[in-house]
Amino acid sequence: MTTPTEPPLRVGARVLLLNTADEVLLIHARDPDEPGHHWWELPGGGQDPGEKLEDTARREIAEETGLVLGEIGRKLWTRESRFIYRGREHHRLDHVYLARTDHDAPQVALRHTVNERAGLIERRWWSAAALSNCGDKLLPAELPNLLQELLDDRLPLAPLALTA
């Protein structure tokens, strides 16, 4: 009898990126093997060996959005999740940072992986009001409330711990 193996933990960084209008940038993605399974999420991705999480956040933003961030703000939350993607189990721990930008359009060339290109639907800036009315799956599901708390200066300074 074989014992199911636990998927390895993948640590990453994501960014709650706000523009000058306090809109948040989200990535609309899907599972290429299950096109009906789609969601909106904060840009970001996996940490490379030896990389600081803030550097992961900067690199991932540049690769996925073409935006160059000089400063990464405070850590807002961590989110641990387990999910199935492309038929495989995944286990993630994402550290979510706050950042702001004056740019709405890419500043450098996008560098998506093959997997990201296969699953990318679109990128869009969302107002807090529009996000609260979104009927699609959001990652994390609490994102509309978290964004509003941040904008209202009610989000705790200590990073929150979320699970999915």
N, C-alpha and C. Protein backbone atom coordinates (compact mmCIF):
# COMPACT_ATOMS: atom_id res chain seq x y z
N MET A 1 0.85 -1.18 0.00
CA MET A 1 0.00 0.00 0.00
C MET A 1 0.89 1.24 0.00
N THR A 2 0.60 2.15 -0.90
CA THR A 2 1.38 3.38 -0.97
C THR A 2 0.68 4.48 -0.19
N THR A 3 1.48 5.34 0.39
CA THR A 3 0.95 6.47 1.14
C THR A 3 1.01 7.70 0.25
N PRO A 4 -0.09 8.44 0.18
CA PRO A 4 -0.04 9.65 -0.64
C PRO A 4 1.04 10.59 -0.09
N THR A 5 1.77 11.19 -1.00
CA THR A 5 2.82 12.10 -0.57
C THR A 5 2.29 13.52 -0.49
N GLU A 6 2.76 14.22 0.49
CA GLU A 6 2.40 15.61 0.68
C GLU A 6 3.11 16.45 -0.39
N PRO A 7 2.40 17.33 -1.08
CA PRO A 7 3.11 18.19 -2.04
C PRO A 7 4.08 19.10 -1.29
N PRO A 8 5.21 19.41 -1.90
CA PRO A 8 6.16 20.29 -1.22
C PRO A 8 5.58 21.69 -1.05
N LEU A 9 5.96 22.33 0.05
CA LEU A 9 5.51 23.69 0.30
C LEU A 9 6.27 24.64 -0.62
N ARG A 10 5.53 25.47 -1.35
CA ARG A 10 6.14 26.48 -2.23
C ARG A 10 5.88 27.83 -1.59
N VAL A 11 6.94 28.53 -1.23
CA VAL A 11 6.84 29.84 -0.61
C VAL A 11 6.91 30.89 -1.72
N GLY A 12 6.08 31.90 -1.60
CA GLY A 12 6.07 32.94 -2.62
C GLY A 12 5.70 34.29 -2.06
N ALA A 13 5.69 35.28 -2.95
CA ALA A 13 5.32 36.65 -2.58
C ALA A 13 4.31 37.17 -3.60
N ARG A 14 3.33 37.85 -3.10
CA ARG A 14 2.33 38.51 -3.93
C ARG A 14 2.26 39.97 -3.50
N VAL A 15 1.68 40.80 -4.37
CA VAL A 15 1.64 42.23 -4.10
C VAL A 15 0.22 42.75 -4.28
N LEU A 16 -0.26 43.43 -3.24
CA LEU A 16 -1.48 44.19 -3.37
C LEU A 16 -1.01 45.55 -3.87
N LEU A 17 -1.09 45.72 -5.19
CA LEU A 17 -0.54 46.88 -5.88
C LEU A 17 -1.66 47.88 -6.15
N LEU A 18 -1.48 49.09 -5.62
CA LEU A 18 -2.46 50.15 -5.80
C LEU A 18 -1.91 51.22 -6.73
N ASN A 19 -2.79 51.73 -7.60
CA ASN A 19 -2.40 52.85 -8.47
C ASN A 19 -2.81 54.15 -7.79
N THR A 20 -2.66 55.26 -8.48
CA THR A 20 -2.95 56.57 -7.88
C THR A 20 -4.43 56.76 -7.57
N ALA A 21 -5.31 55.97 -8.18
CA ALA A 21 -6.75 56.03 -7.90
C ALA A 21 -7.16 55.02 -6.83
N ASP A 22 -6.19 54.41 -6.15
CA ASP A 22 -6.43 53.37 -5.14
C ASP A 22 -7.15 52.16 -5.72
N GLU A 23 -6.90 51.87 -6.99
CA GLU A 23 -7.40 50.63 -7.61
C GLU A 23 -6.33 49.55 -7.44
N VAL A 24 -6.76 48.32 -7.27
CA VAL A 24 -5.85 47.20 -7.08
C VAL A 24 -5.73 46.43 -8.39
N LEU A 25 -4.50 46.00 -8.71
CA LEU A 25 -4.26 45.23 -9.93
C LEU A 25 -4.44 43.75 -9.64
N LEU A 26 -5.30 43.09 -10.43
CA LEU A 26 -5.54 41.65 -10.30
C LEU A 26 -5.28 40.95 -11.62
N ILE A 27 -4.89 39.70 -11.49
CA ILE A 27 -4.66 38.82 -12.63
C ILE A 27 -5.85 37.86 -12.72
N HIS A 28 -6.45 37.76 -13.90
CA HIS A 28 -7.52 36.80 -14.15
C HIS A 28 -6.87 35.59 -14.80
N ALA A 29 -6.95 34.46 -14.12
CA ALA A 29 -6.27 33.25 -14.58
C ALA A 29 -7.24 32.07 -14.58
N ARG A 30 -6.80 31.01 -15.25
CA ARG A 30 -7.60 29.78 -15.30
C ARG A 30 -6.66 28.59 -15.30
N ASP A 31 -7.23 27.45 -14.97
CA ASP A 31 -6.50 26.19 -15.08
C ASP A 31 -6.61 25.77 -16.54
N PRO A 32 -5.50 25.71 -17.30
CA PRO A 32 -5.58 25.36 -18.73
C PRO A 32 -6.21 23.99 -18.98
N ASP A 33 -6.13 23.11 -17.98
CA ASP A 33 -6.73 21.78 -18.13
C ASP A 33 -8.21 21.76 -17.75
N GLU A 34 -8.68 22.81 -17.10
CA GLU A 34 -10.09 22.97 -16.74
C GLU A 34 -10.47 24.43 -16.99
N PRO A 35 -10.67 24.82 -18.23
CA PRO A 35 -10.90 26.24 -18.56
C PRO A 35 -12.07 26.88 -17.83
N GLY A 36 -13.03 26.10 -17.37
CA GLY A 36 -14.15 26.65 -16.61
C GLY A 36 -13.75 27.07 -15.20
N HIS A 37 -12.59 26.62 -14.74
CA HIS A 37 -12.11 26.98 -13.40
C HIS A 37 -11.19 28.19 -13.54
N HIS A 38 -11.72 29.35 -13.18
CA HIS A 38 -10.95 30.60 -13.31
C HIS A 38 -11.12 31.43 -12.05
N TRP A 39 -10.22 32.38 -11.84
CA TRP A 39 -10.20 33.18 -10.63
C TRP A 39 -9.42 34.47 -10.88
N TRP A 40 -9.56 35.39 -9.95
CA TRP A 40 -8.80 36.64 -9.92
C TRP A 40 -7.87 36.58 -8.72
N GLU A 41 -6.60 36.97 -8.92
CA GLU A 41 -5.64 36.92 -7.82
C GLU A 41 -4.65 38.08 -7.91
N LEU A 42 -3.97 38.32 -6.83
CA LEU A 42 -2.93 39.32 -6.79
C LEU A 42 -1.73 38.81 -7.58
N PRO A 43 -1.02 39.68 -8.29
CA PRO A 43 0.17 39.23 -9.00
C PRO A 43 1.25 38.79 -8.02
N GLY A 44 2.03 37.81 -8.45
CA GLY A 44 3.12 37.30 -7.63
C GLY A 44 3.44 35.87 -8.00
N GLY A 45 4.34 35.28 -7.26
CA GLY A 45 4.73 33.91 -7.55
C GLY A 45 5.79 33.41 -6.60
N GLY A 46 6.41 32.31 -6.99
CA GLY A 46 7.32 31.58 -6.13
C GLY A 46 8.67 32.24 -5.93
N GLN A 47 9.18 32.04 -4.72
CA GLN A 47 10.49 32.55 -4.32
C GLN A 47 11.58 31.65 -4.89
N ASP A 48 12.62 32.27 -5.45
CA ASP A 48 13.79 31.53 -5.91
C ASP A 48 14.72 31.27 -4.73
N PRO A 49 15.52 30.20 -4.78
CA PRO A 49 16.44 29.90 -3.67
C PRO A 49 17.34 31.10 -3.36
N GLY A 50 17.43 31.43 -2.08
CA GLY A 50 18.29 32.52 -1.63
C GLY A 50 17.74 33.91 -1.85
N GLU A 51 16.55 34.02 -2.42
CA GLU A 51 15.96 35.32 -2.73
C GLU A 51 15.17 35.85 -1.53
N LYS A 52 15.30 37.14 -1.23
CA LYS A 52 14.48 37.77 -0.20
C LYS A 52 13.06 37.90 -0.73
N LEU A 53 12.08 37.77 0.14
CA LEU A 53 10.68 37.83 -0.30
C LEU A 53 10.34 39.16 -0.97
N GLU A 54 10.89 40.26 -0.48
CA GLU A 54 10.63 41.55 -1.12
C GLU A 54 11.18 41.57 -2.54
N ASP A 55 12.33 40.91 -2.76
CA ASP A 55 12.89 40.82 -4.11
C ASP A 55 12.04 39.92 -4.99
N THR A 56 11.49 38.85 -4.40
CA THR A 56 10.55 37.99 -5.14
C THR A 56 9.36 38.82 -5.62
N ALA A 57 8.82 39.64 -4.72
CA ALA A 57 7.67 40.48 -5.06
C ALA A 57 8.00 41.42 -6.22
N ARG A 58 9.16 42.08 -6.16
CA ARG A 58 9.56 43.00 -7.23
C ARG A 58 9.73 42.26 -8.55
N ARG A 59 10.42 41.12 -8.51
CA ARG A 59 10.68 40.34 -9.72
C ARG A 59 9.38 39.87 -10.35
N GLU A 60 8.51 39.31 -9.54
CA GLU A 60 7.25 38.77 -10.05
C GLU A 60 6.36 39.87 -10.64
N ILE A 61 6.32 41.03 -10.00
CA ILE A 61 5.52 42.14 -10.54
C ILE A 61 6.06 42.53 -11.92
N ALA A 62 7.37 42.65 -12.03
CA ALA A 62 7.97 43.02 -13.33
C ALA A 62 7.68 41.96 -14.38
N GLU A 63 7.84 40.69 -14.02
CA GLU A 63 7.63 39.62 -14.99
C GLU A 63 6.17 39.53 -15.44
N GLU A 64 5.23 39.66 -14.49
CA GLU A 64 3.82 39.44 -14.80
C GLU A 64 3.09 40.68 -15.30
N THR A 65 3.57 41.87 -14.92
CA THR A 65 2.83 43.08 -15.26
C THR A 65 3.65 44.09 -16.04
N GLY A 66 4.97 43.95 -16.03
CA GLY A 66 5.83 44.92 -16.69
C GLY A 66 6.05 46.18 -15.87
N LEU A 67 5.51 46.22 -14.67
CA LEU A 67 5.68 47.37 -13.79
C LEU A 67 6.93 47.19 -12.93
N VAL A 68 7.70 48.25 -12.77
CA VAL A 68 8.92 48.21 -11.98
C VAL A 68 8.67 48.92 -10.66
N LEU A 69 8.85 48.19 -9.56
CA LEU A 69 8.62 48.74 -8.24
C LEU A 69 9.94 49.01 -7.54
N GLY A 70 10.14 50.24 -7.10
CA GLY A 70 11.33 50.55 -6.33
C GLY A 70 11.16 50.14 -4.88
N GLU A 71 10.00 50.44 -4.33
CA GLU A 71 9.77 50.20 -2.92
C GLU A 71 8.63 49.21 -2.73
N ILE A 72 8.86 48.28 -1.83
CA ILE A 72 7.83 47.34 -1.40
C ILE A 72 7.44 47.76 0.01
N GLY A 73 6.15 47.90 0.24
CA GLY A 73 5.67 48.32 1.56
C GLY A 73 5.59 47.18 2.55
N ARG A 74 4.78 47.39 3.54
CA ARG A 74 4.68 46.42 4.64
C ARG A 74 3.99 45.13 4.21
N LYS A 75 4.28 44.08 4.96
CA LYS A 75 3.60 42.81 4.73
C LYS A 75 2.20 42.93 5.32
N LEU A 76 1.19 42.61 4.50
CA LEU A 76 -0.20 42.71 4.92
C LEU A 76 -0.72 41.42 5.52
N TRP A 77 -0.38 40.30 4.88
CA TRP A 77 -0.83 39.00 5.37
C TRP A 77 0.00 37.90 4.74
N THR A 78 -0.14 36.73 5.34
CA THR A 78 0.33 35.49 4.71
C THR A 78 -0.91 34.66 4.44
N ARG A 79 -0.83 33.85 3.40
CA ARG A 79 -1.97 33.00 3.04
C ARG A 79 -1.46 31.62 2.67
N GLU A 80 -1.87 30.64 3.45
CA GLU A 80 -1.51 29.26 3.15
C GLU A 80 -2.69 28.62 2.43
N SER A 81 -2.39 27.91 1.35
CA SER A 81 -3.46 27.28 0.57
C SER A 81 -3.01 25.93 0.03
N ARG A 82 -3.98 25.09 -0.18
CA ARG A 82 -3.80 23.79 -0.84
C ARG A 82 -4.84 23.74 -1.94
N PHE A 83 -4.41 23.34 -3.14
CA PHE A 83 -5.33 23.35 -4.27
C PHE A 83 -4.84 22.39 -5.34
N ILE A 84 -5.74 22.10 -6.29
CA ILE A 84 -5.41 21.28 -7.45
C ILE A 84 -5.28 22.21 -8.65
N TYR A 85 -4.18 22.09 -9.36
CA TYR A 85 -3.96 22.87 -10.57
C TYR A 85 -3.25 21.96 -11.57
N ARG A 86 -3.80 21.90 -12.76
CA ARG A 86 -3.27 21.03 -13.82
C ARG A 86 -3.16 19.58 -13.35
N GLY A 87 -4.15 19.18 -12.56
CA GLY A 87 -4.24 17.79 -12.11
C GLY A 87 -3.30 17.41 -10.98
N ARG A 88 -2.58 18.38 -10.43
CA ARG A 88 -1.64 18.09 -9.34
C ARG A 88 -2.00 18.88 -8.09
N GLU A 89 -1.71 18.28 -6.94
CA GLU A 89 -1.90 18.97 -5.67
C GLU A 89 -0.77 19.98 -5.46
N HIS A 90 -1.13 21.12 -4.91
CA HIS A 90 -0.15 22.17 -4.61
C HIS A 90 -0.36 22.65 -3.18
N HIS A 91 0.72 23.10 -2.56
CA HIS A 91 0.70 23.64 -1.20
C HIS A 91 1.52 24.92 -1.24
N ARG A 92 0.88 26.06 -0.97
CA ARG A 92 1.53 27.38 -1.10
C ARG A 92 1.47 28.14 0.20
N LEU A 93 2.49 28.93 0.41
CA LEU A 93 2.49 29.93 1.48
C LEU A 93 2.93 31.24 0.84
N ASP A 94 1.96 32.13 0.63
CA ASP A 94 2.23 33.40 -0.01
C ASP A 94 2.29 34.52 1.03
N HIS A 95 3.32 35.34 0.91
CA HIS A 95 3.49 36.54 1.74
C HIS A 95 3.03 37.71 0.87
N VAL A 96 2.04 38.45 1.36
CA VAL A 96 1.42 39.51 0.56
C VAL A 96 1.88 40.87 1.08
N TYR A 97 2.45 41.66 0.17
CA TYR A 97 3.00 42.97 0.49
C TYR A 97 2.17 44.06 -0.18
N LEU A 98 2.22 45.25 0.41
CA LEU A 98 1.58 46.43 -0.15
C LEU A 98 2.61 47.18 -1.00
N ALA A 99 2.18 47.67 -2.14
CA ALA A 99 3.02 48.55 -2.96
C ALA A 99 2.11 49.51 -3.71
N ARG A 100 2.71 50.62 -4.12
CA ARG A 100 1.98 51.63 -4.90
C ARG A 100 2.76 51.94 -6.15
N THR A 101 2.04 52.34 -7.20
CA THR A 101 2.67 52.71 -8.45
C THR A 101 1.97 53.92 -9.06
N ASP A 102 2.75 54.71 -9.78
CA ASP A 102 2.19 55.82 -10.55
C ASP A 102 1.91 55.40 -11.99
N HIS A 103 2.26 54.16 -12.34
CA HIS A 103 2.16 53.68 -13.72
C HIS A 103 1.01 52.68 -13.84
N ASP A 104 0.22 52.81 -14.88
CA ASP A 104 -0.84 51.85 -15.17
C ASP A 104 -0.47 50.92 -16.33
N ALA A 105 0.55 51.31 -17.09
CA ALA A 105 0.97 50.53 -18.26
C ALA A 105 2.36 49.95 -18.02
N PRO A 106 2.68 48.83 -18.66
CA PRO A 106 3.99 48.20 -18.47
C PRO A 106 5.15 49.15 -18.79
N GLN A 107 6.20 49.03 -18.00
CA GLN A 107 7.42 49.81 -18.20
C GLN A 107 8.53 48.97 -18.81
N VAL A 108 8.46 47.65 -18.62
CA VAL A 108 9.44 46.72 -19.19
C VAL A 108 8.67 45.57 -19.84
N ALA A 109 9.35 44.80 -20.65
CA ALA A 109 8.72 43.66 -21.33
C ALA A 109 8.25 42.61 -20.33
N LEU A 110 7.07 42.06 -20.58
CA LEU A 110 6.54 40.98 -19.74
C LEU A 110 7.36 39.71 -19.98
N ARG A 111 7.54 38.92 -18.93
CA ARG A 111 8.27 37.66 -19.05
C ARG A 111 7.47 36.54 -18.39
N HIS A 112 6.38 36.15 -19.03
CA HIS A 112 5.55 35.07 -18.50
C HIS A 112 6.20 33.72 -18.79
N THR A 113 6.02 32.79 -17.86
CA THR A 113 6.43 31.42 -18.11
C THR A 113 5.42 30.80 -19.08
N VAL A 114 5.74 29.66 -19.63
CA VAL A 114 4.82 28.95 -20.52
C VAL A 114 3.52 28.66 -19.77
N ASN A 115 3.64 28.22 -18.53
CA ASN A 115 2.47 27.91 -17.71
C ASN A 115 1.62 29.16 -17.47
N GLU A 116 2.26 30.30 -17.19
CA GLU A 116 1.51 31.53 -16.98
C GLU A 116 0.78 31.96 -18.25
N ARG A 117 1.44 31.84 -19.40
CA ARG A 117 0.79 32.19 -20.66
C ARG A 117 -0.42 31.31 -20.93
N ALA A 118 -0.32 30.04 -20.56
CA ALA A 118 -1.42 29.10 -20.80
C ALA A 118 -2.63 29.43 -19.93
N GLY A 119 -2.40 30.00 -18.74
CA GLY A 119 -3.50 30.26 -17.83
C GLY A 119 -3.96 31.69 -17.74
N LEU A 120 -3.22 32.63 -18.33
CA LEU A 120 -3.56 34.05 -18.23
C LEU A 120 -4.76 34.40 -19.10
N ILE A 121 -5.72 35.06 -18.50
CA ILE A 121 -6.86 35.58 -19.24
C ILE A 121 -6.68 37.09 -19.46
N GLU A 122 -6.47 37.82 -18.37
CA GLU A 122 -6.28 39.28 -18.47
C GLU A 122 -5.75 39.84 -17.16
N ARG A 123 -5.33 41.10 -17.22
CA ARG A 123 -4.98 41.89 -16.04
C ARG A 123 -5.93 43.08 -16.01
N ARG A 124 -6.35 43.47 -14.80
CA ARG A 124 -7.28 44.60 -14.70
C ARG A 124 -7.11 45.31 -13.36
N TRP A 125 -7.24 46.64 -13.40
CA TRP A 125 -7.29 47.45 -12.19
C TRP A 125 -8.72 47.47 -11.69
N TRP A 126 -8.93 47.25 -10.40
CA TRP A 126 -10.25 47.18 -9.79
C TRP A 126 -10.38 48.23 -8.69
N SER A 127 -11.48 48.96 -8.70
CA SER A 127 -11.80 49.83 -7.56
C SER A 127 -12.35 48.94 -6.44
N ALA A 128 -12.33 49.46 -5.23
CA ALA A 128 -12.88 48.70 -4.10
C ALA A 128 -14.35 48.38 -4.32
N ALA A 129 -15.10 49.35 -4.87
CA ALA A 129 -16.54 49.14 -5.12
C ALA A 129 -16.76 48.05 -6.16
N ALA A 130 -16.01 48.09 -7.26
CA ALA A 130 -16.16 47.07 -8.30
C ALA A 130 -15.77 45.70 -7.77
N LEU A 131 -14.72 45.65 -6.98
CA LEU A 131 -14.27 44.37 -6.43
C LEU A 131 -15.31 43.77 -5.49
N SER A 132 -15.97 44.63 -4.72
CA SER A 132 -16.99 44.12 -3.79
C SER A 132 -18.20 43.55 -4.54
N ASN A 133 -18.37 43.92 -5.81
CA ASN A 133 -19.48 43.40 -6.62
C ASN A 133 -19.06 42.30 -7.58
N CYS A 134 -17.81 41.88 -7.51
CA CYS A 134 -17.31 40.83 -8.41
C CYS A 134 -17.96 39.49 -8.07
N GLY A 135 -18.51 38.85 -9.09
CA GLY A 135 -19.14 37.55 -8.88
C GLY A 135 -18.21 36.37 -9.14
N ASP A 136 -17.00 36.64 -9.63
CA ASP A 136 -16.04 35.59 -9.91
C ASP A 136 -15.31 35.19 -8.63
N LYS A 137 -14.61 34.07 -8.69
CA LYS A 137 -13.80 33.59 -7.58
C LYS A 137 -12.63 34.55 -7.37
N LEU A 138 -12.42 34.96 -6.11
CA LEU A 138 -11.31 35.83 -5.75
C LEU A 138 -10.37 35.09 -4.81
N LEU A 139 -9.09 35.30 -4.99
CA LEU A 139 -8.09 34.71 -4.11
C LEU A 139 -7.28 35.83 -3.47
N PRO A 140 -7.41 36.00 -2.16
CA PRO A 140 -8.30 35.28 -1.25
C PRO A 140 -9.74 35.77 -1.37
N ALA A 141 -10.66 34.95 -0.90
CA ALA A 141 -12.08 35.29 -0.99
C ALA A 141 -12.39 36.56 -0.21
N GLU A 142 -11.60 36.84 0.82
CA GLU A 142 -11.82 38.02 1.67
C GLU A 142 -11.24 39.30 1.06
N LEU A 143 -10.71 39.24 -0.15
CA LEU A 143 -10.01 40.38 -0.73
C LEU A 143 -10.82 41.68 -0.73
N PRO A 144 -12.11 41.67 -1.11
CA PRO A 144 -12.84 42.95 -1.08
C PRO A 144 -12.84 43.61 0.31
N ASN A 145 -13.05 42.80 1.36
CA ASN A 145 -13.05 43.35 2.71
C ASN A 145 -11.66 43.80 3.13
N LEU A 146 -10.64 43.01 2.80
CA LEU A 146 -9.27 43.37 3.15
C LEU A 146 -8.85 44.67 2.47
N LEU A 147 -9.20 44.82 1.21
CA LEU A 147 -8.87 46.05 0.49
C LEU A 147 -9.57 47.25 1.12
N GLN A 148 -10.85 47.11 1.43
CA GLN A 148 -11.58 48.23 2.02
C GLN A 148 -11.00 48.59 3.39
N GLU A 149 -10.64 47.58 4.19
CA GLU A 149 -10.03 47.84 5.50
C GLU A 149 -8.70 48.57 5.32
N LEU A 150 -7.92 48.18 4.32
CA LEU A 150 -6.65 48.85 4.06
C LEU A 150 -6.88 50.30 3.67
N LEU A 151 -7.79 50.53 2.74
CA LEU A 151 -8.06 51.88 2.27
C LEU A 151 -8.64 52.77 3.38
N ASP A 152 -9.38 52.17 4.31
CA ASP A 152 -9.96 52.91 5.43
C ASP A 152 -9.00 53.00 6.62
N ASP A 153 -7.77 52.48 6.43
CA ASP A 153 -6.75 52.47 7.48
C ASP A 153 -7.21 51.69 8.71
N ARG A 154 -7.95 50.59 8.47
CA ARG A 154 -8.43 49.73 9.56
C ARG A 154 -7.75 48.37 9.56
N LEU A 155 -6.89 48.09 8.59
CA LEU A 155 -6.19 46.80 8.53
C LEU A 155 -5.09 46.82 9.58
N PRO A 156 -5.03 45.79 10.44
CA PRO A 156 -4.00 45.77 11.48
C PRO A 156 -2.58 45.90 10.90
N LEU A 157 -1.69 46.53 11.65
CA LEU A 157 -0.31 46.68 11.22
C LEU A 157 0.42 45.35 11.22
N ALA A 158 0.10 44.47 12.17
CA ALA A 158 0.71 43.14 12.20
C ALA A 158 0.09 42.31 11.07
N PRO A 159 0.92 41.58 10.31
CA PRO A 159 0.38 40.78 9.21
C PRO A 159 -0.66 39.76 9.69
N LEU A 160 -1.74 39.65 8.94
CA LEU A 160 -2.78 38.65 9.20
C LEU A 160 -2.33 37.30 8.69
N ALA A 161 -2.90 36.23 9.22
CA ALA A 161 -2.64 34.87 8.74
C ALA A 161 -3.95 34.32 8.17
N LEU A 162 -3.99 34.10 6.87
CA LEU A 162 -5.18 33.59 6.18
C LEU A 162 -4.91 32.15 5.74
N THR A 163 -5.96 31.37 5.68
CA THR A 163 -5.86 30.01 5.11
C THR A 163 -7.01 29.80 4.15
N ALA A 164 -6.77 28.90 3.21
CA ALA A 164 -7.83 28.59 2.24
C ALA A 164 -8.10 27.12 2.24
